[in-house]
């Protein structure tokens, strides 16, 4: 896969999978018709890895949901495919520096 297009293709597929539930490197690789290792090498050449990219995209989607909906943090976490609200909060804080509750309070 051409490394110039890999980031956009992976981001698009991660967003698609977020709407349907859990996101995995295996599912993204299958959807892009490449091996997991080829996908990982392509992302590495772009200076990132699958987990970091998925967490960033999930956090962006979470920020949008926190700002425009009244969904609970728990509902958002499950909607984005996290196994628990605590895992979601930890990942969100690692990207934004704020907990989901702090982020939402800052928007008001």
Protein backbone atom coordinates (compact mmCIF):
# COMPACT_ATOMS: atom_id res chain seq x y z
CA UNK A 1 0.00 0.00 0.00
CA UNK A 2 1.29 3.46 -0.95
CA UNK A 3 2.38 5.17 2.27
CA UNK A 4 1.12 8.52 1.02
CA UNK A 5 -2.46 7.22 1.11
CA UNK A 6 -2.26 4.86 4.05
CA UNK A 7 -3.15 7.41 6.73
CA UNK A 8 -6.34 8.54 4.99
CA UNK A 9 -7.40 4.97 4.19
CA UNK A 10 -6.76 3.75 7.74
CA UNK A 11 -8.53 6.78 9.26
CA UNK A 12 -11.54 6.25 7.01
CA UNK A 13 -11.74 2.56 7.94
CA UNK A 14 -11.30 3.20 11.67
CA UNK A 15 -14.15 5.74 11.55
CA UNK A 16 -16.33 3.23 9.70
CA UNK A 17 -15.59 0.52 12.27
CA UNK A 18 -16.23 2.90 15.19
CA UNK A 19 -19.81 3.27 13.98
CA UNK A 20 -20.26 -0.50 14.06
CA UNK A 21 -18.53 -1.36 17.34
CA UNK A 22 -15.03 -2.50 18.20
CA UNK A 23 -12.07 -1.43 16.09
CA UNK A 24 -9.16 -3.79 15.45
CA UNK A 25 -6.00 -3.74 13.40
CA UNK A 26 -6.97 -7.10 11.89
CA UNK A 27 -10.34 -5.83 10.70
CA UNK A 28 -8.81 -2.67 9.24
CA UNK A 29 -6.10 -4.68 7.45
CA UNK A 30 -8.73 -7.04 6.00
CA UNK A 31 -10.86 -4.13 4.83
CA UNK A 32 -7.84 -2.59 3.11
CA UNK A 33 -6.81 -5.97 1.67
CA UNK A 34 -3.33 -5.95 3.24
CA UNK A 35 -1.69 -8.04 5.93
CA UNK A 36 -1.59 -6.75 9.49
CA UNK A 37 2.21 -6.55 9.26
CA UNK A 38 2.08 -4.53 6.02
CA UNK A 39 -0.39 -2.14 7.63
CA UNK A 40 1.78 -1.78 10.73
CA UNK A 41 4.91 -1.12 8.63
CA UNK A 42 3.08 1.51 6.58
CA UNK A 43 1.88 3.30 9.70
CA UNK A 44 5.36 3.09 11.20
CA UNK A 45 6.80 4.78 8.09
CA UNK A 46 4.29 7.57 8.69
CA UNK A 47 5.48 7.93 12.29
CA UNK A 48 2.53 6.39 14.07
CA UNK A 49 1.01 3.07 15.05
CA UNK A 50 -2.48 1.64 14.90
CA UNK A 51 -3.32 2.09 18.59
CA UNK A 52 -2.25 5.75 18.63
CA UNK A 53 -4.17 6.50 15.47
CA UNK A 54 -7.32 4.73 16.69
CA UNK A 55 -7.13 6.52 20.06
CA UNK A 56 -6.71 9.90 18.37
CA UNK A 57 -9.68 9.33 16.05
CA UNK A 58 -11.83 7.98 18.87
CA UNK A 59 -10.93 11.00 21.01
CA UNK A 60 -11.85 13.37 18.18
CA UNK A 61 -15.21 11.64 17.79
CA UNK A 62 -15.68 11.64 21.58
CA UNK A 63 -14.95 15.38 21.75
CA UNK A 64 -17.58 15.97 19.10
CA UNK A 65 -20.14 13.81 20.94
CA UNK A 66 -19.34 15.45 24.28
CA UNK A 67 -19.89 18.85 22.72
CA UNK A 68 -23.03 18.30 20.69
CA UNK A 69 -24.97 15.64 22.60
CA UNK A 70 -26.18 14.93 26.11
CA UNK A 71 -25.03 11.31 25.92
CA UNK A 72 -23.44 10.05 29.12
CA UNK A 73 -19.73 9.34 29.19
CA UNK A 74 -20.61 5.65 29.53
CA UNK A 75 -22.84 5.74 26.45
CA UNK A 76 -20.12 7.50 24.45
CA UNK A 77 -17.48 5.02 25.57
CA UNK A 78 -19.53 2.03 24.45
CA UNK A 79 -20.60 3.76 21.24
CA UNK A 80 -16.91 4.19 20.37
CA UNK A 81 -16.10 0.55 21.08
CA UNK A 82 -14.35 0.83 24.45
CA UNK A 83 -14.82 -2.08 26.82
CA UNK A 84 -15.40 0.21 29.80
CA UNK A 85 -15.88 3.89 30.60
CA UNK A 86 -12.61 3.81 32.59
CA UNK A 87 -10.65 2.67 29.53
CA UNK A 88 -12.32 5.39 27.49
CA UNK A 89 -11.55 8.08 30.08
CA UNK A 90 -7.91 7.00 30.27
CA UNK A 91 -7.49 7.08 26.49
CA UNK A 92 -9.32 10.41 26.18
CA UNK A 93 -7.14 11.98 28.87
CA UNK A 94 -3.96 10.71 27.21
CA UNK A 95 -4.91 12.54 23.99
CA UNK A 96 -6.57 15.69 25.35
CA UNK A 97 -5.07 16.10 28.82
CA UNK A 98 -8.60 16.26 30.26
CA UNK A 99 -11.12 13.74 31.49
CA UNK A 100 -14.33 13.55 29.43
CA UNK A 101 -16.21 15.32 32.27
CA UNK A 102 -13.60 18.11 32.46
CA UNK A 103 -13.73 18.50 28.68
CA UNK A 104 -17.53 18.78 28.68
CA UNK A 105 -17.50 21.28 31.56
CA UNK A 106 -14.99 23.42 29.66
CA UNK A 107 -17.38 23.64 26.72
CA UNK A 108 -20.18 25.21 28.75
